[in-house]
PDB file of all heavy atoms in Angstrom:
ATOM      1  N   VAL A   1      -2.272  56.664  25.490  1.00  0.00           N
ATOM      2  CA  VAL A   1      -3.254  57.108  24.503  1.00  0.00           C
ATOM      3  C   VAL A   1      -2.681  58.255  23.677  1.00  0.00           C
ATOM      4  O   VAL A   1      -2.776  58.269  22.442  1.00  0.00           O
ATOM      5  CB  VAL A   1      -4.564  57.541  25.194  1.00  0.00           C
ATOM      6  CG1 VAL A   1      -5.523  58.160  24.179  1.00  0.00           C
ATOM      7  CG2 VAL A   1      -5.224  56.344  25.873  1.00  0.00           C
ATOM      8  N   HIS A   2      -2.069  59.229  24.349  1.00  0.00           N
ATOM      9  CA  HIS A   2      -1.463  60.378  23.660  1.00  0.00           C
ATOM     10  C   HIS A   2      -0.447  59.917  22.622  1.00  0.00           C
ATOM     11  O   HIS A   2      -0.488  60.342  21.454  1.00  0.00           O
ATOM     12  CB  HIS A   2      -0.800  61.289  24.703  1.00  0.00           C
ATOM     13  CG  HIS A   2      -0.068  62.456  24.113  1.00  0.00           C
ATOM     14  ND1 HIS A   2      -0.615  63.714  24.033  1.00  0.00           N
ATOM     15  CD2 HIS A   2       1.181  62.567  23.581  1.00  0.00           C
ATOM     16  CE1 HIS A   2       0.252  64.542  23.479  1.00  0.00           C
ATOM     17  NE2 HIS A   2       1.345  63.877  23.198  1.00  0.00           N
ATOM     18  N   GLU A   3       0.473  59.055  23.016  1.00  0.00           N
ATOM     19  CA  GLU A   3       1.511  58.603  22.084  1.00  0.00           C
ATOM     20  C   GLU A   3       0.931  57.730  20.969  1.00  0.00           C
ATOM     21  O   GLU A   3       1.427  57.743  19.837  1.00  0.00           O
ATOM     22  CB  GLU A   3       2.603  57.843  22.831  1.00  0.00           C
ATOM     23  CG  GLU A   3       3.313  58.648  23.910  1.00  0.00           C
ATOM     24  CD  GLU A   3       3.919  59.955  23.410  1.00  0.00           C
ATOM     25  OE1 GLU A   3       4.340  60.012  22.230  1.00  0.00           O
ATOM     26  OE2 GLU A   3       3.964  60.932  24.197  1.00  0.00           O
ATOM     27  N   SER A   4      -0.136  56.989  21.251  1.00  0.00           N
ATOM     28  CA  SER A   4      -0.795  56.194  20.216  1.00  0.00           C
ATOM     29  C   SER A   4      -1.389  57.094  19.136  1.00  0.00           C
ATOM     30  O   SER A   4      -1.367  56.754  17.945  1.00  0.00           O
ATOM     31  CB  SER A   4      -1.890  55.315  20.823  1.00  0.00           C
ATOM     32  OG  SER A   4      -1.346  54.337  21.683  1.00  0.00           O
ATOM     33  N   PHE A   5      -1.899  58.247  19.541  1.00  0.00           N
ATOM     34  CA  PHE A   5      -2.434  59.169  18.546  1.00  0.00           C
ATOM     35  C   PHE A   5      -1.329  59.845  17.750  1.00  0.00           C
ATOM     36  O   PHE A   5      -1.556  60.252  16.600  1.00  0.00           O
ATOM     37  CB  PHE A   5      -3.368  60.189  19.199  1.00  0.00           C
ATOM     38  CG  PHE A   5      -4.776  59.686  19.344  1.00  0.00           C
ATOM     39  CD1 PHE A   5      -5.282  59.343  20.588  1.00  0.00           C
ATOM     40  CD2 PHE A   5      -5.589  59.529  18.230  1.00  0.00           C
ATOM     41  CE1 PHE A   5      -6.581  58.863  20.717  1.00  0.00           C
ATOM     42  CE2 PHE A   5      -6.889  59.054  18.354  1.00  0.00           C
ATOM     43  CZ  PHE A   5      -7.380  58.711  19.595  1.00  0.00           C
ATOM     44  N   HIS A   6      -0.130  59.972  18.308  1.00  0.00           N
ATOM     45  CA  HIS A   6       1.006  60.408  17.484  1.00  0.00           C
ATOM     46  C   HIS A   6       1.248  59.378  16.377  1.00  0.00           C
ATOM     47  O   HIS A   6       1.485  59.738  15.220  1.00  0.00           O
ATOM     48  CB  HIS A   6       2.267  60.543  18.337  1.00  0.00           C
ATOM     49  CG  HIS A   6       2.382  61.848  19.060  1.00  0.00           C
ATOM     50  ND1 HIS A   6       2.152  63.062  18.445  1.00  0.00           N
ATOM     51  CD2 HIS A   6       2.728  62.143  20.349  1.00  0.00           C
ATOM     52  CE1 HIS A   6       2.339  64.046  19.325  1.00  0.00           C
ATOM     53  NE2 HIS A   6       2.678  63.511  20.477  1.00  0.00           N
ATOM     54  N   ALA A   7       1.177  58.107  16.724  1.00  0.00           N
ATOM     55  CA  ALA A   7       1.353  57.053  15.722  1.00  0.00           C
ATOM     56  C   ALA A   7       0.279  57.155  14.643  1.00  0.00           C
ATOM     57  O   ALA A   7       0.558  57.007  13.446  1.00  0.00           O
ATOM     58  CB  ALA A   7       1.310  55.681  16.388  1.00  0.00           C
ATOM     59  N   ILE A   8      -0.957  57.419  15.057  1.00  0.00           N
ATOM     60  CA  ILE A   8      -2.055  57.559  14.106  1.00  0.00           C
ATOM     61  C   ILE A   8      -1.824  58.739  13.173  1.00  0.00           C
ATOM     62  O   ILE A   8      -2.063  58.653  11.962  1.00  0.00           O
ATOM     63  CB  ILE A   8      -3.387  57.719  14.863  1.00  0.00           C
ATOM     64  CG1 ILE A   8      -3.797  56.392  15.505  1.00  0.00           C
ATOM     65  CG2 ILE A   8      -4.486  58.224  13.929  1.00  0.00           C
ATOM     66  CD1 ILE A   8      -4.988  56.490  16.436  1.00  0.00           C
ATOM     67  N   SER A   9      -1.333  59.858  13.703  1.00  0.00           N
ATOM     68  CA  SER A   9      -1.125  61.048  12.874  1.00  0.00           C
ATOM     69  C   SER A   9      -0.085  60.792  11.789  1.00  0.00           C
ATOM     70  O   SER A   9      -0.172  61.357  10.686  1.00  0.00           O
ATOM     71  CB  SER A   9      -0.703  62.244  13.740  1.00  0.00           C
ATOM     72  OG  SER A   9       0.625  62.102  14.225  1.00  0.00           O
ATOM     73  N   TYR A  10       0.912  59.937  12.076  1.00  0.00           N
ATOM     74  CA  TYR A  10       1.911  59.576  11.078  1.00  0.00           C
ATOM     75  C   TYR A  10       1.326  58.631  10.035  1.00  0.00           C
ATOM     76  O   TYR A  10       1.702  58.677   8.859  1.00  0.00           O
ATOM     77  CB  TYR A  10       3.111  58.889  11.746  1.00  0.00           C
ATOM     78  CG  TYR A  10       4.136  59.828  12.311  1.00  0.00           C
ATOM     79  CD1 TYR A  10       3.912  60.502  13.502  1.00  0.00           C
ATOM     80  CD2 TYR A  10       5.355  60.035  11.669  1.00  0.00           C
ATOM     81  CE1 TYR A  10       4.851  61.358  14.041  1.00  0.00           C
ATOM     82  CE2 TYR A  10       6.308  60.892  12.194  1.00  0.00           C
ATOM     83  CZ  TYR A  10       6.053  61.553  13.380  1.00  0.00           C
ATOM     84  OH  TYR A  10       6.992  62.408  13.919  1.00  0.00           O
ATOM     85  N   GLU A  11       0.443  57.766  10.457  1.00  0.00           N
ATOM     86  CA  GLU A  11      -0.036  56.683   9.593  1.00  0.00           C
ATOM     87  C   GLU A  11      -1.283  57.049   8.798  1.00  0.00           C
ATOM     88  O   GLU A  11      -1.455  56.590   7.667  1.00  0.00           O
ATOM     89  CB  GLU A  11      -0.316  55.438  10.437  1.00  0.00           C
ATOM     90  CG  GLU A  11      -0.650  54.206   9.618  1.00  0.00           C
ATOM     91  CD  GLU A  11      -0.461  52.932  10.434  1.00  0.00           C
ATOM     92  OE1 GLU A  11       0.556  52.816  11.146  1.00  0.00           O
ATOM     93  OE2 GLU A  11      -1.333  52.073  10.342  1.00  0.00           O
ATOM     94  N   MET A  12      -2.163  57.843   9.376  1.00  0.00           N
ATOM     95  CA  MET A  12      -3.432  58.169   8.728  1.00  0.00           C
ATOM     96  C   MET A  12      -3.392  59.610   8.248  1.00  0.00           C
ATOM     97  O   MET A  12      -3.906  60.532   8.888  1.00  0.00           O
ATOM     98  CB  MET A  12      -4.586  57.931   9.708  1.00  0.00           C
ATOM     99  CG  MET A  12      -4.653  56.502  10.200  1.00  0.00           C
ATOM    100  SD  MET A  12      -6.037  56.221  11.359  1.00  0.00           S
ATOM    101  CE  MET A  12      -5.770  54.498  11.797  1.00  0.00           C
ATOM    102  N   SER A  13      -2.762  59.819   7.089  1.00  0.00           N
ATOM    103  CA  SER A  13      -2.480  61.163   6.591  1.00  0.00           C
ATOM    104  C   SER A  13      -3.751  61.945   6.260  1.00  0.00           C
ATOM    105  O   SER A  13      -3.767  63.178   6.370  1.00  0.00           O
ATOM    106  CB  SER A  13      -1.581  61.087   5.355  1.00  0.00           C
ATOM    107  OG  SER A  13      -2.197  60.318   4.334  1.00  0.00           O
ATOM    108  N   VAL A  14      -4.813  61.273   5.865  1.00  0.00           N
ATOM    109  CA  VAL A  14      -6.059  61.971   5.528  1.00  0.00           C
ATOM    110  C   VAL A  14      -6.617  62.685   6.761  1.00  0.00           C
ATOM    111  O   VAL A  14      -7.026  63.858   6.692  1.00  0.00           O
ATOM    112  CB  VAL A  14      -7.107  60.986   4.965  1.00  0.00           C
ATOM    113  CG1 VAL A  14      -8.453  61.689   4.797  1.00  0.00           C
ATOM    114  CG2 VAL A  14      -6.638  60.426   3.622  1.00  0.00           C
ATOM    115  N   ILE A  15      -6.615  61.991   7.897  1.00  0.00           N
ATOM    116  CA  ILE A  15      -7.104  62.595   9.142  1.00  0.00           C
ATOM    117  C   ILE A  15      -6.184  63.736   9.577  1.00  0.00           C
ATOM    118  O   ILE A  15      -6.645  64.797  10.009  1.00  0.00           O
ATOM    119  CB  ILE A  15      -7.217  61.535  10.242  1.00  0.00           C
ATOM    120  CG1 ILE A  15      -8.232  60.461   9.835  1.00  0.00           C
ATOM    121  CG2 ILE A  15      -7.627  62.170  11.573  1.00  0.00           C
ATOM    122  CD1 ILE A  15      -8.306  59.296  10.787  1.00  0.00           C
ATOM    123  N   TRP A  16      -4.886  63.513   9.460  1.00  0.00           N
ATOM    124  CA  TRP A  16      -3.909  64.543   9.827  1.00  0.00           C
ATOM    125  C   TRP A  16      -4.112  65.805   8.995  1.00  0.00           C
ATOM    126  O   TRP A  16      -4.145  66.915   9.525  1.00  0.00           O
ATOM    127  CB  TRP A  16      -2.499  64.002   9.667  1.00  0.00           C
ATOM    128  CG  TRP A  16      -1.417  65.016   9.817  1.00  0.00           C
ATOM    129  CD1 TRP A  16      -0.597  65.509   8.836  1.00  0.00           C
ATOM    130  CD2 TRP A  16      -1.012  65.704  11.015  1.00  0.00           C
ATOM    131  NE1 TRP A  16       0.276  66.430   9.339  1.00  0.00           N
ATOM    132  CE2 TRP A  16       0.043  66.570  10.668  1.00  0.00           C
ATOM    133  CE3 TRP A  16      -1.454  65.650  12.337  1.00  0.00           C
ATOM    134  CZ2 TRP A  16       0.665  67.384  11.610  1.00  0.00           C
ATOM    135  CZ3 TRP A  16      -0.829  66.479  13.277  1.00  0.00           C
ATOM    136  CH2 TRP A  16       0.223  67.323  12.911  1.00  0.00           C
ATOM    137  N   ASP A  17      -4.265  65.652   7.679  1.00  0.00           N
ATOM    138  CA  ASP A  17      -4.446  66.804   6.800  1.00  0.00           C
ATOM    139  C   ASP A  17      -5.758  67.533   7.108  1.00  0.00           C
ATOM    140  O   ASP A  17      -5.813  68.769   7.084  1.00  0.00           O
ATOM    141  CB  ASP A  17      -4.429  66.359   5.332  1.00  0.00           C
ATOM    142  CG  ASP A  17      -3.049  65.899   4.877  1.00  0.00           C
ATOM    143  OD1 ASP A  17      -2.068  66.252   5.545  1.00  0.00           O
ATOM    144  OD2 ASP A  17      -2.980  65.174   3.867  1.00  0.00           O
ATOM    145  N   GLU A  18      -6.806  66.770   7.392  1.00  0.00           N
ATOM    146  CA  GLU A  18      -8.082  67.396   7.738  1.00  0.00           C
ATOM    147  C   GLU A  18      -7.959  68.170   9.045  1.00  0.00           C
ATOM    148  O   GLU A  18      -8.520  69.268   9.183  1.00  0.00           O
ATOM    149  CB  GLU A  18      -9.168  66.328   7.855  1.00  0.00           C
ATOM    150  CG  GLU A  18     -10.564  66.893   8.051  1.00  0.00           C
ATOM    151  CD  GLU A  18     -11.647  65.834   8.069  1.00  0.00           C
ATOM    152  OE1 GLU A  18     -11.390  64.711   7.586  1.00  0.00           O
ATOM    153  OE2 GLU A  18     -12.749  66.132   8.583  1.00  0.00           O
ATOM    154  N   PHE A  19      -7.224  67.613   9.992  1.00  0.00           N
ATOM    155  CA  PHE A  19      -6.994  68.307  11.262  1.00  0.00           C
ATOM    156  C   PHE A  19      -6.256  69.627  11.037  1.00  0.00           C
ATOM    157  O   PHE A  19      -6.628  70.656  11.609  1.00  0.00           O
ATOM    158  CB  PHE A  19      -6.194  67.416  12.215  1.00  0.00           C
ATOM    159  CG  PHE A  19      -5.598  68.145  13.378  1.00  0.00           C
ATOM    160  CD1 PHE A  19      -6.376  68.523  14.462  1.00  0.00           C
ATOM    161  CD2 PHE A  19      -4.249  68.471  13.388  1.00  0.00           C
ATOM    162  CE1 PHE A  19      -5.827  69.219  15.533  1.00  0.00           C
ATOM    163  CE2 PHE A  19      -3.688  69.155  14.452  1.00  0.00           C
ATOM    164  CZ  PHE A  19      -4.487  69.533  15.527  1.00  0.00           C
ATOM    165  N   LEU A  20      -5.199  69.614  10.216  1.00  0.00           N
ATOM    166  CA  LEU A  20      -4.438  70.836   9.944  1.00  0.00           C
ATOM    167  C   LEU A  20      -5.330  71.900   9.316  1.00  0.00           C
ATOM    168  O   LEU A  20      -5.275  73.078   9.685  1.00  0.00           O
ATOM    169  CB  LEU A  20      -3.253  70.537   9.029  1.00  0.00           C
ATOM    170  CG  LEU A  20      -2.084  69.760   9.629  1.00  0.00           C
ATOM    171  CD1 LEU A  20      -0.992  69.563   8.586  1.00  0.00           C
ATOM    172  CD2 LEU A  20      -1.507  70.478  10.856  1.00  0.00           C
ATOM    173  N   ASP A  21      -6.154  71.500   8.342  1.00  0.00           N
ATOM    174  CA  ASP A  21      -7.038  72.465   7.684  1.00  0.00           C
ATOM    175  C   ASP A  21      -8.033  73.064   8.677  1.00  0.00           C
ATOM    176  O   ASP A  21      -8.316  74.262   8.647  1.00  0.00           O
ATOM    177  CB  ASP A  21      -7.804  71.786   6.550  1.00  0.00           C
ATOM    178  CG  ASP A  21      -6.914  71.441   5.368  1.00  0.00           C
ATOM    179  OD1 ASP A  21      -5.828  72.034   5.263  1.00  0.00           O
ATOM    180  OD2 ASP A  21      -7.292  70.564   4.566  1.00  0.00           O
ATOM    181  N   LEU A  22      -8.563  72.226   9.557  1.00  0.00           N
ATOM    182  CA  LEU A  22      -9.586  72.680  10.500  1.00  0.00           C
ATOM    183  C   LEU A  22      -8.995  73.498  11.644  1.00  0.00           C
ATOM    184  O   LEU A  22      -9.584  74.487  12.085  1.00  0.00           O
ATOM    185  CB  LEU A  22     -10.333  71.467  11.067  1.00  0.00           C
ATOM    186  CG  LEU A  22     -11.520  71.749  12.001  1.00  0.00           C
ATOM    187  CD1 LEU A  22     -12.598  72.528  11.253  1.00  0.00           C
ATOM    188  CD2 LEU A  22     -12.087  70.442  12.538  1.00  0.00           C
ATOM    189  N   SER A  23      -7.821  73.093  12.120  1.00  0.00           N
ATOM    190  CA  SER A  23      -7.236  73.739  13.307  1.00  0.00           C
ATOM    191  C   SER A  23      -6.622  75.098  13.021  1.00  0.00           C
ATOM    192  O   SER A  23      -6.637  75.992  13.870  1.00  0.00           O
ATOM    193  CB  SER A  23      -6.176  72.832  13.931  1.00  0.00           C
ATOM    194  OG  SER A  23      -5.044  72.715  13.073  1.00  0.00           O
ATOM    195  N   GLY A  24      -6.052  75.273  11.831  1.00  0.00           N
ATOM    196  CA  GLY A  24      -5.417  76.557  11.507  1.00  0.00           C
ATOM    197  C   GLY A  24      -3.915  76.587  11.687  1.00  0.00           C
ATOM    198  O   GLY A  24      -3.295  77.640  11.538  1.00  0.00           O
ATOM    199  N   TRP A  25      -3.299  75.437  11.988  1.00  0.00           N
ATOM    200  CA  TRP A  25      -1.847  75.388  12.108  1.00  0.00           C
ATOM    201  C   TRP A  25      -1.207  75.361  10.718  1.00  0.00           C
ATOM    202  O   TRP A  25      -1.693  74.694   9.814  1.00  0.00           O
ATOM    203  CB  TRP A  25      -1.393  74.142  12.860  1.00  0.00           C
ATOM    204  CG  TRP A  25      -1.539  74.211  14.340  1.00  0.00           C
ATOM    205  CD1 TRP A  25      -2.488  73.606  15.103  1.00  0.00           C
ATOM    206  CD2 TRP A  25      -0.681  74.907  15.255  1.00  0.00           C
ATOM    207  NE1 TRP A  25      -2.294  73.884  16.441  1.00  0.00           N
ATOM    208  CE2 TRP A  25      -1.188  74.687  16.558  1.00  0.00           C
ATOM    209  CE3 TRP A  25       0.454  75.698  15.101  1.00  0.00           C
ATOM    210  CZ2 TRP A  25      -0.595  75.225  17.692  1.00  0.00           C
ATOM    211  CZ3 TRP A  25       1.049  76.245  16.224  1.00  0.00           C
ATOM    212  CH2 TRP A  25       0.529  76.003  17.511  1.00  0.00           C
ATOM    213  N   LYS A  26      -0.079  76.085  10.572  1.00  0.00           N
ATOM    214  CA  LYS A  26       0.679  76.070   9.326  1.00  0.00           C
ATOM    215  C   LYS A  26       2.169  76.090   9.631  1.00  0.00           C
ATOM    216  O   LYS A  26       2.609  76.727  10.596  1.00  0.00           O
ATOM    217  CB  LYS A  26       0.320  77.282   8.453  1.00  0.00           C
ATOM    218  CG  LYS A  26      -1.097  77.251   7.898  1.00  0.00           C
ATOM    219  CD  LYS A  26      -1.350  78.453   7.004  1.00  0.00           C
ATOM    220  CE  LYS A  26      -2.767  78.427   6.441  1.00  0.00           C
ATOM    221  NZ  LYS A  26      -3.035  79.612   5.586  1.00  0.00           N
ATOM    222  N   GLU A  27       2.938  75.379   8.824  1.00  0.00           N
ATOM    223  CA  GLU A  27       4.401  75.409   8.913  1.00  0.00           C
ATOM    224  C   GLU A  27       4.928  76.346   7.840  1.00  0.00           C
ATOM    225  O   GLU A  27       4.593  76.200   6.662  1.00  0.00           O
ATOM    226  CB  GLU A  27       4.976  74.010   8.728  1.00  0.00           C
ATOM    227  CG  GLU A  27       4.653  73.061   9.859  1.00  0.00           C
ATOM    228  CD  GLU A  27       5.304  71.709   9.700  1.00  0.00           C
ATOM    229  OE1 GLU A  27       5.710  71.392   8.557  1.00  0.00           O
ATOM    230  OE2 GLU A  27       5.416  70.977  10.693  1.00  0.00           O
ATOM    231  N   GLU A  28       5.743  77.299   8.247  1.00  0.00           N
ATOM    232  CA  GLU A  28       6.292  78.290   7.325  1.00  0.00           C
ATOM    233  C   GLU A  28       7.789  78.413   7.565  1.00  0.00           C
ATOM    234  O   GLU A  28       8.243  79.234   8.363  1.00  0.00           O
ATOM    235  CB  GLU A  28       5.594  79.642   7.532  1.00  0.00           C
ATOM    236  CG  GLU A  28       4.085  79.569   7.334  1.00  0.00           C
ATOM    237  CD  GLU A  28       3.350  80.798   7.833  1.00  0.00           C
ATOM    238  OE1 GLU A  28       3.947  81.548   8.651  1.00  0.00           O
ATOM    239  OE2 GLU A  28       2.207  81.005   7.426  1.00  0.00           O
ATOM    240  N   GLY A  29       8.558  77.560   6.896  1.00  0.00           N
ATOM    241  CA  GLY A  29      10.006  77.539   7.095  1.00  0.00           C
ATOM    242  C   GLY A  29      10.349  77.098   8.508  1.00  0.00           C
ATOM    243  O   GLY A  29       9.973  76.014   8.936  1.00  0.00           O
ATOM    244  N   ASP A  30      11.054  77.957   9.256  1.00  0.00           N
ATOM    245  CA  ASP A  30      11.413  77.624  10.635  1.00  0.00           C
ATOM    246  C   ASP A  30      10.409  78.201  11.626  1.00  0.00           C
ATOM    247  O   ASP A  30      10.707  78.338  12.813  1.00  0.00           O
ATOM    248  CB  ASP A  30      12.820  78.115  10.970  1.00  0.00           C
ATOM    249  CG  ASP A  30      12.972  79.625  10.816  1.00  0.00           C
ATOM    250  OD1 ASP A  30      12.004  80.271  10.355  1.00  0.00           O
ATOM    251  OD2 ASP A  30      14.049  80.151  11.145  1.00  0.00           O
TER     252      ASP A  30
END
């Protein structure tokens, strides 16, 4: 199930982006 949701995060970008906005994670260089 965990790895299947990794596949979903790659494929369903709208859900992934909404998750990032809601969770508070940000990538800043390294």
